[in-house]
Amino acid sequence: MHESHPTDSVVVDCDRCLVRSPSACGDCVVTFLLGAPPAGIEIDAAEMSALEVLSDAGLTPPLRLVTPLAGPETQAG
């Protein structure tokens, strides 16, 4: 399970998700809870922890968000 810190938050921007597709979105907690991918939401550490507990218990699918890495190590030289 992912360890989070009290100040961590996750910005869910479905438009930037690398695995966005009907099959991936259909098995993502965002679509499960909201019915469709949103324009963007922010999930704080407490909410992320609650979602992980629900997912680990098999009550919801996990967050399937995969975003590109940003930074100098990802740019072509």
Protein backbone atom coordinates (compact mmCIF):
# COMPACT_ATOMS: atom_id res chain seq x y z
CA MET A 1 0.00 0.00 0.00
CA HIS A 2 1.15 3.55 -0.76
CA GLU A 3 2.37 5.48 2.25
CA SER A 4 1.06 9.03 2.31
CA HIS A 5 2.00 11.99 4.42
CA PRO A 6 -0.61 14.31 5.99
CA THR A 7 0.22 17.10 3.53
CA ASP A 8 0.25 14.94 0.39
CA SER A 9 -2.50 15.42 -2.13
CA VAL A 10 -3.17 13.95 -5.55
CA VAL A 11 -4.47 16.05 -8.41
CA VAL A 12 -6.51 13.82 -10.68
CA ASP A 13 -6.46 15.22 -14.21
CA CYS A 14 -7.98 12.51 -16.39
CA ASP A 15 -6.92 14.39 -19.55
CA ARG A 16 -3.26 13.77 -18.61
CA CYS A 17 -3.70 10.10 -17.70
CA LEU A 18 -1.52 7.88 -19.91
CA VAL A 19 -3.85 4.88 -19.66
CA ARG A 20 -7.12 6.73 -20.34
CA SER A 21 -9.38 4.40 -22.27
CA PRO A 22 -12.85 2.91 -21.84
CA SER A 23 -11.40 -0.20 -20.19
CA ALA A 24 -9.03 1.62 -17.80
CA CYS A 25 -11.50 4.38 -16.90
CA GLY A 26 -14.28 1.85 -16.35
CA ASP A 27 -12.15 0.18 -13.67
CA CYS A 28 -11.00 3.38 -11.92
CA VAL A 29 -12.34 4.67 -8.61
CA VAL A 30 -12.91 8.14 -10.12
CA THR A 31 -15.37 6.82 -12.70
CA PHE A 32 -16.83 4.42 -10.15
CA LEU A 33 -17.64 7.22 -7.69
CA LEU A 34 -18.37 10.12 -10.06
CA GLY A 35 -19.86 8.31 -13.05
CA ALA A 36 -17.48 9.89 -15.55
CA PRO A 37 -13.96 11.29 -15.60
CA PRO A 38 -14.03 14.86 -14.23
CA ALA A 39 -12.21 17.90 -15.55
CA GLY A 40 -9.92 17.63 -12.52
CA ILE A 41 -10.22 16.96 -8.83
CA GLU A 42 -7.84 17.11 -5.89
CA ILE A 43 -7.79 14.26 -3.41
CA ASP A 44 -6.12 15.07 -0.09
CA ALA A 45 -4.12 12.58 1.97
CA ALA A 46 -7.05 11.58 4.21
CA GLU A 47 -9.32 11.00 1.22
CA MET A 48 -6.60 9.03 -0.59
CA SER A 49 -6.13 6.88 2.50
CA ALA A 50 -9.88 6.20 2.67
CA LEU A 51 -9.97 5.30 -1.03
CA GLU A 52 -7.06 2.90 -0.54
CA VAL A 53 -8.87 1.19 2.37
CA LEU A 54 -12.03 0.81 0.26
CA SER A 55 -9.98 -0.55 -2.66
CA ASP A 56 -7.96 -2.94 -0.49
CA ALA A 57 -11.25 -4.28 0.93
CA GLY A 58 -12.56 -4.88 -2.60
CA LEU A 59 -15.36 -2.33 -2.24
CA THR A 60 -14.13 0.00 -5.01
CA PRO A 61 -11.62 -0.25 -7.84
CA PRO A 62 -8.26 1.47 -7.25
CA LEU A 63 -7.18 4.81 -8.67
CA ARG A 64 -5.80 3.93 -12.12
CA LEU A 65 -4.25 7.35 -12.78
CA VAL A 66 -0.89 7.19 -14.58
CA THR A 67 0.67 10.54 -15.42
CA PRO A 68 3.87 11.33 -17.30
CA LEU A 69 6.93 12.16 -15.24
CA ALA A 70 7.99 15.77 -15.37
CA GLY A 71 11.51 16.99 -15.03
CA PRO A 72 14.87 17.12 -16.75
CA GLU A 73 15.35 13.35 -16.50
CA THR A 74 12.39 12.77 -18.85
CA GLN A 75 13.45 15.18 -21.61
CA ALA A 76 15.43 14.03 -24.63
CA GLY A 77 18.99 15.22 -24.71
